[in-house]
Amino acid sequence: MTIYKFIGYIFFFCICSLHHPGAAETKPEVNTLDKEKWENISSGLDYSEDEKEEEPEPKKAEQKAEPISQGVDPSFLAPLLKIAGFILAIALLGFILARILPSLLSNGNARVENRISIDAEEELKEENIAEWPLQKLLNKYIQEGDIRNAIRIYYLMALQLLHLNGFIKWEKDKTNSRYVMEFASHERSKDFSTLTRIYETTWYGQFIPDEAMFAIAKSQFTMFNAQFPMPDEK
């Protein structure tokens, strides 16, 4: 019975709610707003979304850093180039002087020393060139392998023969160029000039020929000297 009573109460309560005068549906009071008043109120308002000014985006960092210039500032290079050029000029001048001065000095010495030295051997102390035992000295130097002195003796033998045959006048202090000039009118003058150059190159130029070159020089001296035999052999 209790359950039936509870259900009955609920049913009764629902009925009462539907028919209760206070439960009648009432429309809520709406506060109406005058249109003109509304416009006056809302006239100063802006309901549109403010357009945000787009702030300039910060410049993106360059993805690649500018490559470091591999060149050198010309203003920095200028003094270095001047110094390098100055050093190069001095080096070039020194090189030229080193090449020229010895030849100038040797030429100057040749003018003074371009004469036959006859004081080296005791056998050549005689003033008369006809008395010099040149063949004996030649054999000695060839045996010793002294090519420079052997060529020197060959040249002295040529001067001895030319002097004895009257083509030149030998003097102790006369230069070789003077002998060449005295013999210039002879048909063998070119051969004598060649022999003179061979002698001077070997003796004054400190040039030592090898065996092959000495053989050629020996042949030329021998052929030339054979053209002018000793007077007592004629």
C-alpha atoms as a PDB file:
ATOM      1  CA  MET A   1       0.000   0.000   0.000  1.00  0.00           C
ATOM      2  CA  THR A   2       2.828   2.293   0.660  1.00  0.00           C
ATOM      3  CA  ILE A   3       3.950   2.154  -2.930  1.00  0.00           C
ATOM      4  CA  TYR A   4       0.494   2.949  -4.144  1.00  0.00           C
ATOM      5  CA  LYS A   5       0.347   5.923  -1.845  1.00  0.00           C
ATOM      6  CA  PHE A   6       3.688   7.210  -3.149  1.00  0.00           C
ATOM      7  CA  ILE A   7       2.542   6.864  -6.727  1.00  0.00           C
ATOM      8  CA  GLY A   8      -0.695   8.595  -5.862  1.00  0.00           C
ATOM      9  CA  TYR A   9       1.173  11.538  -4.331  1.00  0.00           C
ATOM     10  CA  ILE A  10       3.264  11.974  -7.429  1.00  0.00           C
ATOM     11  CA  PHE A  11       0.248  11.823  -9.688  1.00  0.00           C
ATOM     12  CA  PHE A  12      -1.554  14.343  -7.525  1.00  0.00           C
ATOM     13  CA  PHE A  13       1.416  16.667  -7.479  1.00  0.00           C
ATOM     14  CA  CYS A  14       1.618  16.616 -11.277  1.00  0.00           C
ATOM     15  CA  ILE A  15      -2.052  17.436 -11.615  1.00  0.00           C
ATOM     16  CA  CYS A  16      -1.728  20.310  -9.199  1.00  0.00           C
ATOM     17  CA  SER A  17       1.171  21.702 -11.081  1.00  0.00           C
ATOM     18  CA  LEU A  18      -0.724  21.752 -14.340  1.00  0.00           C
ATOM     19  CA  HIS A  19      -3.789  23.455 -13.014  1.00  0.00           C
ATOM     20  CA  HIS A  20      -2.192  25.840 -10.475  1.00  0.00           C
ATOM     21  CA  PRO A  21      -2.912  29.469 -11.420  1.00  0.00           C
ATOM     22  CA  GLY A  22       0.612  30.561 -10.599  1.00  0.00           C
ATOM     23  CA  ALA A  23       1.962  27.973 -12.909  1.00  0.00           C
ATOM     24  CA  ALA A  24       0.341  29.578 -15.922  1.00  0.00           C
ATOM     25  CA  GLU A  25       2.845  30.412 -18.538  1.00  0.00           C
ATOM     26  CA  THR A  26       3.681  34.093 -18.443  1.00  0.00           C
ATOM     27  CA  LYS A  27       5.723  35.939 -20.925  1.00  0.00           C
ATOM     28  CA  PRO A  28       8.707  37.610 -19.474  1.00  0.00           C
ATOM     29  CA  GLU A  29       8.691  41.370 -19.602  1.00  0.00           C
ATOM     30  CA  VAL A  30      10.879  42.568 -22.344  1.00  0.00           C
ATOM     31  CA  ASN A  31      12.453  45.919 -21.991  1.00  0.00           C
ATOM     32  CA  THR A  32      11.987  47.485 -25.382  1.00  0.00           C
ATOM     33  CA  LEU A  33      14.541  50.077 -26.472  1.00  0.00           C
ATOM     34  CA  ASP A  34      13.651  52.987 -28.638  1.00  0.00           C
ATOM     35  CA  LYS A  35      15.192  52.707 -32.088  1.00  0.00           C
ATOM     36  CA  GLU A  36      16.365  56.312 -32.169  1.00  0.00           C
ATOM     37  CA  LYS A  37      17.901  55.924 -28.735  1.00  0.00           C
ATOM     38  CA  TRP A  38      19.644  52.739 -29.808  1.00  0.00           C
ATOM     39  CA  GLU A  39      21.113  54.418 -32.848  1.00  0.00           C
ATOM     40  CA  ASN A  40      22.386  57.263 -30.722  1.00  0.00           C
ATOM     41  CA  ILE A  41      24.058  54.857 -28.358  1.00  0.00           C
ATOM     42  CA  SER A  42      25.522  52.635 -30.974  1.00  0.00           C
ATOM     43  CA  SER A  43      26.598  55.355 -33.390  1.00  0.00           C
ATOM     44  CA  GLY A  44      30.104  55.687 -31.886  1.00  0.00           C
ATOM     45  CA  LEU A  45      30.805  52.018 -31.691  1.00  0.00           C
ATOM     46  CA  ASP A  46      32.589  49.934 -34.348  1.00  0.00           C
ATOM     47  CA  TYR A  47      31.739  46.273 -34.137  1.00  0.00           C
ATOM     48  CA  SER A  48      33.880  45.289 -37.104  1.00  0.00           C
ATOM     49  CA  GLU A  49      36.991  43.445 -36.280  1.00  0.00           C
ATOM     50  CA  ASP A  50      39.943  45.768 -36.321  1.00  0.00           C
ATOM     51  CA  GLU A  51      42.191  44.886 -39.073  1.00  0.00           C
ATOM     52  CA  LYS A  52      45.510  44.359 -37.502  1.00  0.00           C
ATOM     53  CA  GLU A  53      48.194  46.123 -39.306  1.00  0.00           C
ATOM     54  CA  GLU A  54      50.545  43.587 -40.499  1.00  0.00           C
ATOM     55  CA  GLU A  55      53.800  44.338 -38.896  1.00  0.00           C
ATOM     56  CA  PRO A  56      56.672  43.809 -41.230  1.00  0.00           C
ATOM     57  CA  GLU A  57      58.219  40.529 -40.506  1.00  0.00           C
ATOM     58  CA  PRO A  58      61.772  40.816 -39.373  1.00  0.00           C
ATOM     59  CA  LYS A  59      64.132  40.097 -42.156  1.00  0.00           C
ATOM     60  CA  LYS A  60      65.118  36.569 -42.078  1.00  0.00           C
ATOM     61  CA  ALA A  61      68.717  36.062 -41.467  1.00  0.00           C
ATOM     62  CA  GLU A  62      70.432  35.307 -44.658  1.00  0.00           C
ATOM     63  CA  GLN A  63      70.668  31.618 -44.954  1.00  0.00           C
ATOM     64  CA  LYS A  64      74.177  31.881 -46.234  1.00  0.00           C
ATOM     65  CA  ALA A  65      76.616  34.334 -44.863  1.00  0.00           C
ATOM     66  CA  GLU A  66      78.328  36.396 -47.462  1.00  0.00           C
ATOM     67  CA  PRO A  67      81.521  34.617 -48.378  1.00  0.00           C
ATOM     68  CA  ILE A  68      84.588  36.242 -47.011  1.00  0.00           C
ATOM     69  CA  SER A  69      86.376  37.919 -49.803  1.00  0.00           C
ATOM     70  CA  GLN A  70      89.460  35.991 -50.624  1.00  0.00           C
ATOM     71  CA  GLY A  71      91.044  38.949 -52.339  1.00  0.00           C
ATOM     72  CA  VAL A  72      93.331  41.392 -50.657  1.00  0.00           C
ATOM     73  CA  ASP A  73      92.756  45.071 -50.384  1.00  0.00           C
ATOM     74  CA  PRO A  74      94.714  46.759 -53.207  1.00  0.00           C
ATOM     75  CA  SER A  75      95.732  49.528 -50.837  1.00  0.00           C
ATOM     76  CA  PHE A  76      97.431  46.885 -48.728  1.00  0.00           C
ATOM     77  CA  LEU A  77      99.147  45.254 -51.705  1.00  0.00           C
ATOM     78  CA  ALA A  78     100.522  48.467 -53.193  1.00  0.00           C
ATOM     79  CA  PRO A  79     103.400  48.993 -50.719  1.00  0.00           C
ATOM     80  CA  LEU A  80     104.262  45.288 -50.794  1.00  0.00           C
ATOM     81  CA  LEU A  81     104.462  45.333 -54.582  1.00  0.00           C
ATOM     82  CA  LYS A  82     106.709  48.383 -54.459  1.00  0.00           C
ATOM     83  CA  ILE A  83     109.041  46.695 -52.005  1.00  0.00           C
ATOM     84  CA  ALA A  84     109.076  43.475 -54.046  1.00  0.00           C
ATOM     85  CA  GLY A  85     109.801  45.421 -57.219  1.00  0.00           C
ATOM     86  CA  PHE A  86     112.615  47.308 -55.502  1.00  0.00           C
ATOM     87  CA  ILE A  87     114.174  44.077 -54.247  1.00  0.00           C
ATOM     88  CA  LEU A  88     113.810  42.480 -57.677  1.00  0.00           C
ATOM     89  CA  ALA A  89     115.470  45.473 -59.341  1.00  0.00           C
ATOM     90  CA  ILE A  90     118.405  45.308 -56.927  1.00  0.00           C
ATOM     91  CA  ALA A  91     118.759  41.553 -57.454  1.00  0.00           C
ATOM     92  CA  LEU A  92     118.672  41.990 -61.226  1.00  0.00           C
ATOM     93  CA  LEU A  93     121.246  44.767 -61.075  1.00  0.00           C
ATOM     94  CA  GLY A  94     123.473  42.645 -58.863  1.00  0.00           C
ATOM     95  CA  PHE A  95     123.140  39.707 -61.254  1.00  0.00           C
ATOM     96  CA  ILE A  96     124.064  41.873 -64.241  1.00  0.00           C
ATOM     97  CA  LEU A  97     127.046  43.368 -62.433  1.00  0.00           C
ATOM     98  CA  ALA A  98     128.165  39.917 -61.329  1.00  0.00           C
ATOM     99  CA  ARG A  99     128.127  38.758 -64.948  1.00  0.00           C
ATOM    100  CA  ILE A 100     129.609  41.882 -66.537  1.00  0.00           C
ATOM    101  CA  LEU A 101     132.280  42.973 -64.079  1.00  0.00           C
ATOM    102  CA  PRO A 102     134.401  39.809 -64.297  1.00  0.00           C
ATOM    103  CA  SER A 103     134.466  40.024 -68.082  1.00  0.00           C
ATOM    104  CA  LEU A 104     135.339  43.722 -67.948  1.00  0.00           C
ATOM    105  CA  LEU A 105     138.096  43.051 -65.468  1.00  0.00           C
ATOM    106  CA  SER A 106     139.377  40.104 -67.459  1.00  0.00           C
ATOM    107  CA  ASN A 107     139.400  42.218 -70.617  1.00  0.00           C
ATOM    108  CA  GLY A 108     141.282  44.931 -68.797  1.00  0.00           C
ATOM    109  CA  ASN A 109     143.757  42.408 -67.492  1.00  0.00           C
ATOM    110  CA  ALA A 110     144.061  40.872 -70.931  1.00  0.00           C
ATOM    111  CA  ARG A 111     145.227  44.201 -72.291  1.00  0.00           C
ATOM    112  CA  VAL A 112     147.973  44.200 -69.695  1.00  0.00           C
ATOM    113  CA  GLU A 113     148.685  40.492 -69.443  1.00  0.00           C
ATOM    114  CA  ASN A 114     147.921  39.473 -73.009  1.00  0.00           C
ATOM    115  CA  ARG A 115     151.520  38.695 -73.600  1.00  0.00           C
ATOM    116  CA  ILE A 116     153.574  35.561 -73.313  1.00  0.00           C
ATOM    117  CA  SER A 117     154.835  34.899 -69.817  1.00  0.00           C
ATOM    118  CA  ILE A 118     158.336  33.533 -70.098  1.00  0.00           C
ATOM    119  CA  ASP A 119     159.448  33.654 -66.486  1.00  0.00           C
ATOM    120  CA  ALA A 120     157.837  30.384 -65.383  1.00  0.00           C
ATOM    121  CA  GLU A 121     160.575  28.095 -66.615  1.00  0.00           C
ATOM    122  CA  GLU A 122     164.295  28.561 -66.168  1.00  0.00           C
ATOM    123  CA  GLU A 123     164.860  27.466 -69.770  1.00  0.00           C
ATOM    124  CA  LEU A 124     162.972  30.520 -71.093  1.00  0.00           C
ATOM    125  CA  LYS A 125     165.013  33.183 -69.332  1.00  0.00           C
ATOM    126  CA  GLU A 126     167.086  33.778 -72.414  1.00  0.00           C
ATOM    127  CA  GLU A 127     166.162  36.960 -74.255  1.00  0.00           C
ATOM    128  CA  ASN A 128     166.596  35.277 -77.623  1.00  0.00           C
ATOM    129  CA  ILE A 129     163.485  33.254 -78.428  1.00  0.00           C
ATOM    130  CA  ALA A 130     165.501  31.149 -80.859  1.00  0.00           C
ATOM    131  CA  GLU A 131     167.336  29.617 -77.908  1.00  0.00           C
ATOM    132  CA  TRP A 132     164.287  28.347 -76.097  1.00  0.00           C
ATOM    133  CA  PRO A 133     164.052  24.543 -75.833  1.00  0.00           C
ATOM    134  CA  LEU A 134     160.324  24.511 -76.513  1.00  0.00           C
ATOM    135  CA  GLN A 135     160.111  20.938 -77.758  1.00  0.00           C
ATOM    136  CA  LYS A 136     161.660  19.694 -74.522  1.00  0.00           C
ATOM    137  CA  LEU A 137     159.124  21.620 -72.447  1.00  0.00           C
ATOM    138  CA  LEU A 138     156.269  20.440 -74.689  1.00  0.00           C
ATOM    139  CA  ASN A 139     157.191  16.795 -74.155  1.00  0.00           C
ATOM    140  CA  LYS A 140     157.386  17.383 -70.406  1.00  0.00           C
ATOM    141  CA  TYR A 141     153.918  18.963 -70.133  1.00  0.00           C
ATOM    142  CA  ILE A 142     152.265  16.394 -72.387  1.00  0.00           C
ATOM    143  CA  GLN A 143     153.738  13.605 -70.293  1.00  0.00           C
ATOM    144  CA  GLU A 144     152.449  15.246 -67.115  1.00  0.00           C
ATOM    145  CA  GLY A 145     149.013  15.801 -68.637  1.00  0.00           C
ATOM    146  CA  ASP A 146     149.294  19.582 -68.187  1.00  0.00           C
ATOM    147  CA  ILE A 147     147.095  20.610 -71.120  1.00  0.00           C
ATOM    148  CA  ARG A 148     147.091  24.361 -70.395  1.00  0.00           C
ATOM    149  CA  ASN A 149     150.877  24.622 -70.401  1.00  0.00           C
ATOM    150  CA  ALA A 150     151.127  22.295 -73.408  1.00  0.00           C
ATOM    151  CA  ILE A 151     148.908  24.638 -75.465  1.00  0.00           C
ATOM    152  CA  ARG A 152     150.959  27.583 -74.215  1.00  0.00           C
ATOM    153  CA  ILE A 153     154.164  25.962 -75.469  1.00  0.00           C
ATOM    154  CA  TYR A 154     152.530  25.158 -78.825  1.00  0.00           C
ATOM    155  CA  TYR A 155     151.711  28.859 -79.207  1.00  0.00           C
ATOM    156  CA  LEU A 156     155.253  29.881 -78.217  1.00  0.00           C
ATOM    157  CA  MET A 157     156.560  27.497 -80.860  1.00  0.00           C
ATOM    158  CA  ALA A 158     154.363  29.241 -83.469  1.00  0.00           C
ATOM    159  CA  LEU A 159     155.721  32.643 -82.409  1.00  0.00           C
ATOM    160  CA  GLN A 160     159.272  31.289 -82.468  1.00  0.00           C
ATOM    161  CA  LEU A 161     158.865  29.977 -86.022  1.00  0.00           C
ATOM    162  CA  LEU A 162     157.206  33.168 -87.282  1.00  0.00           C
ATOM    163  CA  HIS A 163     159.966  35.246 -85.696  1.00  0.00           C
ATOM    164  CA  LEU A 164     162.754  33.101 -87.138  1.00  0.00           C
ATOM    165  CA  ASN A 165     161.141  33.223 -90.594  1.00  0.00           C
ATOM    166  CA  GLY A 166     160.861  37.024 -90.445  1.00  0.00           C
ATOM    167  CA  PHE A 167     157.064  37.337 -90.360  1.00  0.00           C
ATOM    168  CA  ILE A 168     156.954  38.948 -86.900  1.00  0.00           C
ATOM    169  CA  LYS A 169     159.437  40.590 -84.579  1.00  0.00           C
ATOM    170  CA  TRP A 170     159.289  38.968 -81.196  1.00  0.00           C
ATOM    171  CA  GLU A 171     159.629  41.171 -78.103  1.00  0.00           C
ATOM    172  CA  LYS A 172     159.226  40.159 -74.499  1.00  0.00           C
ATOM    173  CA  ASP A 173     156.535  42.753 -73.683  1.00  0.00           C
ATOM    174  CA  LYS A 174     154.633  42.738 -76.969  1.00  0.00           C
ATOM    175  CA  THR A 175     150.992  41.668 -76.857  1.00  0.00           C
ATOM    176  CA  ASN A 176     149.502  38.864 -78.918  1.00  0.00           C
ATOM    177  CA  SER A 177     147.257  41.290 -80.792  1.00  0.00           C
ATOM    178  CA  ARG A 178     150.371  43.039 -82.066  1.00  0.00           C
ATOM    179  CA  TYR A 179     151.672  39.753 -83.464  1.00  0.00           C
ATOM    180  CA  VAL A 180     148.307  39.139 -85.150  1.00  0.00           C
ATOM    181  CA  MET A 181     148.490  42.572 -86.778  1.00  0.00           C
ATOM    182  CA  GLU A 182     152.048  41.987 -87.979  1.00  0.00           C
ATOM    183  CA  PHE A 183     151.016  38.694 -89.578  1.00  0.00           C
ATOM    184  CA  ALA A 184     147.715  40.015 -91.001  1.00  0.00           C
ATOM    185  CA  SER A 185     148.942  40.219 -94.599  1.00  0.00           C
ATOM    186  CA  HIS A 186     149.939  36.546 -94.737  1.00  0.00           C
ATOM    187  CA  GLU A 187     147.640  33.964 -96.303  1.00  0.00           C
ATOM    188  CA  ARG A 188     147.742  31.981 -93.045  1.00  0.00           C
ATOM    189  CA  SER A 189     146.702  34.973 -90.936  1.00  0.00           C
ATOM    190  CA  LYS A 190     143.251  33.526 -90.158  1.00  0.00           C
ATOM    191  CA  ASP A 191     144.810  30.301 -88.940  1.00  0.00           C
ATOM    192  CA  PHE A 192     147.144  32.269 -86.687  1.00  0.00           C
ATOM    193  CA  SER A 193     144.220  34.297 -85.309  1.00  0.00           C
ATOM    194  CA  THR A 194     142.417  31.032 -84.510  1.00  0.00           C
ATOM    195  CA  LEU A 195     145.440  29.647 -82.685  1.00  0.00           C
ATOM    196  CA  THR A 196     145.753  32.907 -80.752  1.00  0.00           C
ATOM    197  CA  ARG A 197     142.138  32.615 -79.560  1.00  0.00           C
ATOM    198  CA  ILE A 198     142.700  28.993 -78.532  1.00  0.00           C
ATOM    199  CA  TYR A 199     145.720  29.995 -76.498  1.00  0.00           C
ATOM    200  CA  GLU A 200     144.109  33.016 -74.837  1.00  0.00           C
ATOM    201  CA  THR A 201     140.907  31.128 -74.017  1.00  0.00           C
ATOM    202  CA  THR A 202     142.887  28.345 -72.384  1.00  0.00           C
ATOM    203  CA  TRP A 203     145.518  30.417 -70.641  1.00  0.00           C
ATOM    204  CA  TYR A 204     143.781  33.662 -69.641  1.00  0.00           C
ATOM    205  CA  GLY A 205     140.236  32.312 -69.516  1.00  0.00           C
ATOM    206  CA  GLN A 206     141.192  29.466 -67.168  1.00  0.00           C
ATOM    207  CA  PHE A 207     139.520  27.028 -69.565  1.00  0.00           C
ATOM    208  CA  ILE A 208     140.917  23.522 -69.474  1.00  0.00           C
ATOM    209  CA  PRO A 209     140.080  21.491 -72.594  1.00  0.00           C
ATOM    210  CA  ASP A 210     139.420  17.784 -72.309  1.00  0.00           C
ATOM    211  CA  GLU A 211     141.476  15.199 -74.172  1.00  0.00           C
ATOM    212  CA  ALA A 212     139.320  15.374 -77.310  1.00  0.00           C
ATOM    213  CA  MET A 213     139.539  19.157 -77.539  1.00  0.00           C
ATOM    214  CA  PHE A 214     143.254  19.085 -76.830  1.00  0.00           C
ATOM    215  CA  ALA A 215     143.712  16.616 -79.688  1.00  0.00           C
ATOM    216  CA  ILE A 216     141.995  19.068 -82.068  1.00  0.00           C
ATOM    217  CA  ALA A 217     144.072  22.010 -80.822  1.00  0.00           C
ATOM    218  CA  LYS A 218     147.254  19.954 -81.071  1.00  0.00           C
ATOM    219  CA  SER A 219     146.409  19.043 -84.679  1.00  0.00           C
ATOM    220  CA  GLN A 220     145.814  22.685 -85.637  1.00  0.00           C
ATOM    221  CA  PHE A 221     149.042  23.896 -84.021  1.00  0.00           C
ATOM    222  CA  THR A 222     151.034  21.070 -85.626  1.00  0.00           C
ATOM    223  CA  MET A 223     149.690  21.797 -89.139  1.00  0.00           C
ATOM    224  CA  PHE A 224     150.312  25.524 -88.767  1.00  0.00           C
ATOM    225  CA  ASN A 225     153.841  25.150 -87.421  1.00  0.00           C
ATOM    226  CA  ALA A 226     154.669  22.695 -90.202  1.00  0.00           C
ATOM    227  CA  GLN A 227     154.176  25.548 -92.696  1.00  0.00           C
ATOM    228  CA  PHE A 228     157.101  27.431 -91.140  1.00  0.00           C
ATOM    229  CA  PRO A 229     160.118  25.166 -90.640  1.00  0.00           C
ATOM    230  CA  MET A 230     163.218  26.230 -88.758  1.00  0.00           C
ATOM    231  CA  PRO A 231     165.653  28.191 -90.986  1.00  0.00           C
ATOM    232  CA  ASP A 232     168.428  25.625 -90.563  1.00  0.00           C
ATOM    233  CA  GLU A 233     166.015  22.881 -91.664  1.00  0.00           C
ATOM    234  CA  LYS A 234     165.206  24.478 -95.006  1.00  0.00           C
END
